[in-house]
Amino acid sequence: MNLSKLPAGFGLSYRNDGLNIDIQSDGEGGVNVTATADSTGRQVTVNRTETDHRIRDETVSNEVKETRPGVQGWLTGTALILLGIFFIWQLIKYYLSKH
């Protein structure tokens, strides 16, 4: 029996030869245990809280991250464009000089 899930005040009691043990739910996921002995008149109270709840992060992210080319990308692109212009210029010069 899982007492921690019961409403506050519900629980079990055990009595045997002057020893009384009461276990009650505190209504917040824990239990209160009280033990008394008739012969000594003393009372011992122990509060212990246990939970069996697990929290998992089940969020799904569909974010699209935009990236921009860095300096290296710009330099590479610029160098390729200049190289292409240079070759086209050389081809134009070659064909104009032959004809």
N, C-alpha and C. Protein backbone atom coordinates (compact mmCIF):
# COMPACT_ATOMS: atom_id res chain seq x y z
N MET A 1 0.84 -1.17 0.00
CA MET A 1 0.00 0.00 0.00
C MET A 1 0.89 1.24 0.00
N ASN A 2 0.61 2.19 -0.86
CA ASN A 2 1.39 3.42 -0.96
C ASN A 2 0.65 4.51 -0.20
N LEU A 3 1.04 4.74 1.05
CA LEU A 3 0.35 5.70 1.90
C LEU A 3 0.56 7.14 1.47
N SER A 4 1.65 7.41 0.79
CA SER A 4 1.96 8.80 0.44
C SER A 4 0.97 9.37 -0.57
N LYS A 5 0.19 8.53 -1.25
CA LYS A 5 -0.77 9.01 -2.23
C LYS A 5 -2.17 9.20 -1.64
N LEU A 6 -2.36 8.86 -0.37
CA LEU A 6 -3.66 9.03 0.28
C LEU A 6 -3.84 10.46 0.78
N PRO A 7 -5.10 10.89 1.00
CA PRO A 7 -5.33 12.23 1.55
C PRO A 7 -4.78 12.32 2.98
N ALA A 8 -4.59 13.53 3.46
CA ALA A 8 -4.04 13.76 4.79
C ALA A 8 -4.92 13.10 5.86
N GLY A 9 -4.29 12.46 6.83
CA GLY A 9 -5.00 11.85 7.95
C GLY A 9 -5.30 10.37 7.77
N PHE A 10 -5.26 9.85 6.57
CA PHE A 10 -5.51 8.43 6.35
C PHE A 10 -4.23 7.65 6.59
N GLY A 11 -4.34 6.44 7.14
CA GLY A 11 -3.15 5.66 7.39
C GLY A 11 -3.44 4.35 8.08
N LEU A 12 -2.42 3.83 8.78
CA LEU A 12 -2.49 2.55 9.47
C LEU A 12 -2.11 2.73 10.93
N SER A 13 -2.66 1.87 11.78
CA SER A 13 -2.28 1.84 13.19
C SER A 13 -1.98 0.40 13.58
N TYR A 14 -0.94 0.23 14.42
CA TYR A 14 -0.56 -1.09 14.90
C TYR A 14 -0.35 -0.99 16.41
N ARG A 15 -0.97 -1.89 17.17
CA ARG A 15 -0.85 -1.88 18.62
C ARG A 15 -0.51 -3.29 19.09
N ASN A 16 0.58 -3.39 19.94
CA ASN A 16 0.98 -4.69 20.44
C ASN A 16 1.76 -4.50 21.73
N ASP A 17 1.27 -5.06 22.82
CA ASP A 17 1.92 -5.04 24.13
C ASP A 17 2.39 -3.65 24.56
N GLY A 18 1.54 -2.68 24.46
CA GLY A 18 1.88 -1.33 24.92
C GLY A 18 2.65 -0.50 23.91
N LEU A 19 2.96 -1.06 22.75
CA LEU A 19 3.63 -0.30 21.69
C LEU A 19 2.60 0.07 20.64
N ASN A 20 2.49 1.36 20.37
CA ASN A 20 1.52 1.86 19.40
C ASN A 20 2.28 2.56 18.25
N ILE A 21 2.00 2.15 17.05
CA ILE A 21 2.61 2.76 15.87
C ILE A 21 1.50 3.25 14.96
N ASP A 22 1.53 4.54 14.65
CA ASP A 22 0.56 5.15 13.75
C ASP A 22 1.31 5.71 12.54
N ILE A 23 0.84 5.35 11.37
CA ILE A 23 1.42 5.85 10.12
C ILE A 23 0.30 6.52 9.36
N GLN A 24 0.48 7.84 9.08
CA GLN A 24 -0.56 8.59 8.39
C GLN A 24 0.05 9.40 7.25
N SER A 25 -0.74 9.56 6.19
CA SER A 25 -0.33 10.38 5.06
C SER A 25 -0.42 11.85 5.46
N ASP A 26 0.55 12.65 4.99
CA ASP A 26 0.48 14.09 5.29
C ASP A 26 -0.23 14.87 4.19
N GLY A 27 -0.69 14.17 3.12
CA GLY A 27 -1.42 14.82 2.05
C GLY A 27 -0.54 15.54 1.05
N GLU A 28 0.76 15.54 1.25
CA GLU A 28 1.68 16.24 0.36
C GLU A 28 2.71 15.29 -0.25
N GLY A 29 2.43 14.00 -0.25
CA GLY A 29 3.35 13.03 -0.83
C GLY A 29 4.25 12.37 0.20
N GLY A 30 4.07 12.64 1.47
CA GLY A 30 4.90 12.04 2.51
C GLY A 30 4.04 11.35 3.56
N VAL A 31 4.66 10.77 4.57
CA VAL A 31 3.93 10.11 5.64
C VAL A 31 4.49 10.57 6.99
N ASN A 32 3.64 10.54 8.01
CA ASN A 32 4.04 10.83 9.39
C ASN A 32 3.95 9.53 10.18
N VAL A 33 5.02 9.20 10.90
CA VAL A 33 5.06 7.99 11.70
C VAL A 33 5.17 8.41 13.16
N THR A 34 4.27 7.90 13.99
CA THR A 34 4.30 8.17 15.43
C THR A 34 4.32 6.84 16.17
N ALA A 35 5.32 6.68 17.04
CA ALA A 35 5.43 5.46 17.84
C ALA A 35 5.38 5.85 19.31
N THR A 36 4.53 5.18 20.09
CA THR A 36 4.44 5.44 21.53
C THR A 36 4.47 4.12 22.28
N ALA A 37 5.02 4.19 23.47
CA ALA A 37 5.04 3.01 24.35
C ALA A 37 4.31 3.39 25.63
N ASP A 38 3.33 2.60 26.03
CA ASP A 38 2.53 2.91 27.21
C ASP A 38 3.37 2.87 28.49
N SER A 39 4.39 2.07 28.54
CA SER A 39 5.15 1.91 29.78
C SER A 39 6.01 3.12 30.10
N THR A 40 6.50 3.84 29.12
CA THR A 40 7.39 4.97 29.40
C THR A 40 6.70 6.31 29.23
N GLY A 41 5.63 6.36 28.49
CA GLY A 41 4.93 7.62 28.29
C GLY A 41 5.64 8.56 27.33
N ARG A 42 6.68 8.11 26.70
CA ARG A 42 7.40 8.95 25.75
C ARG A 42 6.84 8.74 24.35
N GLN A 43 7.07 9.75 23.51
CA GLN A 43 6.60 9.67 22.13
C GLN A 43 7.77 10.00 21.20
N VAL A 44 7.90 9.21 20.18
CA VAL A 44 8.93 9.43 19.17
C VAL A 44 8.22 9.71 17.85
N THR A 45 8.56 10.83 17.24
CA THR A 45 7.96 11.19 15.95
C THR A 45 9.08 11.31 14.93
N VAL A 46 8.93 10.60 13.85
CA VAL A 46 9.92 10.65 12.76
C VAL A 46 9.19 11.08 11.51
N ASN A 47 9.66 12.14 10.88
CA ASN A 47 9.08 12.59 9.60
C ASN A 47 10.07 12.26 8.49
N ARG A 48 9.60 11.55 7.51
CA ARG A 48 10.44 11.17 6.39
C ARG A 48 9.62 11.35 5.12
N THR A 49 10.21 11.97 4.14
CA THR A 49 9.50 12.23 2.89
C THR A 49 10.20 11.50 1.76
N GLU A 50 9.43 10.72 1.03
CA GLU A 50 9.94 10.03 -0.14
C GLU A 50 9.00 10.29 -1.29
N THR A 51 9.56 10.44 -2.43
CA THR A 51 8.73 10.59 -3.62
C THR A 51 9.19 9.59 -4.67
N ASP A 52 8.26 9.16 -5.46
CA ASP A 52 8.60 8.26 -6.54
C ASP A 52 8.26 8.88 -7.88
N HIS A 53 8.21 10.21 -7.88
CA HIS A 53 7.90 10.93 -9.12
C HIS A 53 9.20 11.24 -9.85
N ARG A 54 9.18 11.01 -11.12
CA ARG A 54 10.35 11.31 -11.95
C ARG A 54 9.95 12.39 -12.95
N ILE A 55 10.82 13.33 -13.13
CA ILE A 55 10.55 14.40 -14.07
C ILE A 55 11.48 14.21 -15.27
N ARG A 56 10.87 14.13 -16.44
CA ARG A 56 11.67 13.98 -17.65
C ARG A 56 11.33 15.14 -18.58
N ASP A 57 12.32 15.58 -19.27
CA ASP A 57 12.11 16.64 -20.24
C ASP A 57 11.76 15.99 -21.57
N GLU A 58 10.48 16.10 -21.94
CA GLU A 58 10.03 15.47 -23.18
C GLU A 58 9.69 16.52 -24.23
N THR A 59 10.23 17.70 -24.08
CA THR A 59 9.95 18.73 -25.06
C THR A 59 10.71 18.43 -26.34
N VAL A 60 10.06 18.71 -27.43
CA VAL A 60 10.67 18.49 -28.74
C VAL A 60 10.91 19.86 -29.36
N SER A 61 12.08 20.06 -29.83
CA SER A 61 12.43 21.35 -30.42
C SER A 61 12.58 21.20 -31.92
N ASN A 62 11.85 22.00 -32.65
CA ASN A 62 11.94 22.01 -34.10
C ASN A 62 12.50 23.33 -34.59
N GLU A 63 13.42 23.89 -33.85
CA GLU A 63 13.97 25.17 -34.21
C GLU A 63 14.92 25.01 -35.41
N VAL A 64 14.80 25.95 -36.32
CA VAL A 64 15.70 25.99 -37.46
C VAL A 64 16.70 27.10 -37.18
N LYS A 65 17.93 26.73 -37.18
CA LYS A 65 18.97 27.70 -36.86
C LYS A 65 19.59 28.21 -38.16
N GLU A 66 19.53 29.52 -38.33
CA GLU A 66 20.12 30.12 -39.51
C GLU A 66 21.59 30.39 -39.24
N THR A 67 22.39 30.05 -40.22
CA THR A 67 23.82 30.31 -40.08
C THR A 67 24.27 31.20 -41.22
N ARG A 68 25.18 32.05 -40.91
CA ARG A 68 25.77 32.92 -41.93
C ARG A 68 27.20 32.49 -42.16
N PRO A 69 27.65 32.61 -43.38
CA PRO A 69 29.04 32.24 -43.62
C PRO A 69 29.97 33.20 -42.88
N GLY A 70 30.99 32.67 -42.33
CA GLY A 70 31.94 33.49 -41.60
C GLY A 70 32.92 34.16 -42.55
N VAL A 71 33.96 34.72 -41.98
CA VAL A 71 34.96 35.43 -42.77
C VAL A 71 35.60 34.49 -43.78
N GLN A 72 35.87 33.27 -43.38
CA GLN A 72 36.49 32.32 -44.30
C GLN A 72 35.59 32.04 -45.50
N GLY A 73 34.30 31.96 -45.28
CA GLY A 73 33.35 31.73 -46.38
C GLY A 73 33.33 32.89 -47.34
N TRP A 74 33.35 34.12 -46.80
CA TRP A 74 33.37 35.31 -47.66
C TRP A 74 34.67 35.37 -48.47
N LEU A 75 35.78 35.08 -47.83
CA LEU A 75 37.07 35.13 -48.54
C LEU A 75 37.13 34.08 -49.63
N THR A 76 36.66 32.88 -49.33
CA THR A 76 36.67 31.81 -50.33
C THR A 76 35.78 32.17 -51.51
N GLY A 77 34.59 32.66 -51.23
CA GLY A 77 33.66 33.05 -52.30
C GLY A 77 34.22 34.17 -53.16
N THR A 78 34.78 35.17 -52.51
CA THR A 78 35.36 36.31 -53.24
C THR A 78 36.53 35.84 -54.10
N ALA A 79 37.39 34.99 -53.57
CA ALA A 79 38.54 34.49 -54.33
C ALA A 79 38.08 33.70 -55.55
N LEU A 80 37.05 32.86 -55.39
CA LEU A 80 36.54 32.09 -56.53
C LEU A 80 35.95 32.99 -57.61
N ILE A 81 35.22 34.01 -57.20
CA ILE A 81 34.63 34.94 -58.16
C ILE A 81 35.73 35.69 -58.91
N LEU A 82 36.74 36.18 -58.20
CA LEU A 82 37.85 36.89 -58.85
C LEU A 82 38.62 35.97 -59.80
N LEU A 83 38.81 34.72 -59.40
CA LEU A 83 39.49 33.76 -60.26
C LEU A 83 38.68 33.50 -61.53
N GLY A 84 37.37 33.39 -61.39
CA GLY A 84 36.50 33.20 -62.55
C GLY A 84 36.55 34.39 -63.49
N ILE A 85 36.51 35.61 -62.92
CA ILE A 85 36.60 36.83 -63.74
C ILE A 85 37.95 36.87 -64.47
N PHE A 86 39.02 36.48 -63.78
CA PHE A 86 40.35 36.49 -64.38
C PHE A 86 40.41 35.52 -65.58
N PHE A 87 39.87 34.30 -65.42
CA PHE A 87 39.89 33.34 -66.53
C PHE A 87 39.03 33.81 -67.70
N ILE A 88 37.88 34.40 -67.41
CA ILE A 88 37.03 34.91 -68.49
C ILE A 88 37.75 36.04 -69.23
N TRP A 89 38.40 36.92 -68.48
CA TRP A 89 39.16 38.02 -69.08
C TRP A 89 40.29 37.46 -69.97
N GLN A 90 40.98 36.42 -69.50
CA GLN A 90 42.05 35.82 -70.30
C GLN A 90 41.50 35.19 -71.57
N LEU A 91 40.33 34.52 -71.46
CA LEU A 91 39.71 33.94 -72.66
C LEU A 91 39.32 35.03 -73.66
N ILE A 92 38.75 36.13 -73.17
CA ILE A 92 38.37 37.23 -74.06
C ILE A 92 39.60 37.81 -74.75
N LYS A 93 40.66 38.01 -73.99
CA LYS A 93 41.89 38.54 -74.57
C LYS A 93 42.47 37.58 -75.62
N TYR A 94 42.41 36.29 -75.35
CA TYR A 94 42.95 35.29 -76.25
C TYR A 94 42.18 35.29 -77.59
N TYR A 95 40.83 35.30 -77.49
CA TYR A 95 40.03 35.26 -78.71
C TYR A 95 40.11 36.57 -79.48
N LEU A 96 40.24 37.71 -78.79
CA LEU A 96 40.34 38.99 -79.49
C LEU A 96 41.68 39.14 -80.18
N SER A 97 42.73 38.58 -79.60
CA SER A 97 44.05 38.70 -80.22
C SER A 97 44.20 37.79 -81.43
N LYS A 98 43.48 36.69 -81.52
CA LYS A 98 43.56 35.75 -82.64
C LYS A 98 42.76 36.23 -83.82
N HIS A 99 41.72 36.99 -83.59
CA HIS A 99 40.84 37.37 -84.70
C HIS A 99 41.00 38.78 -85.09
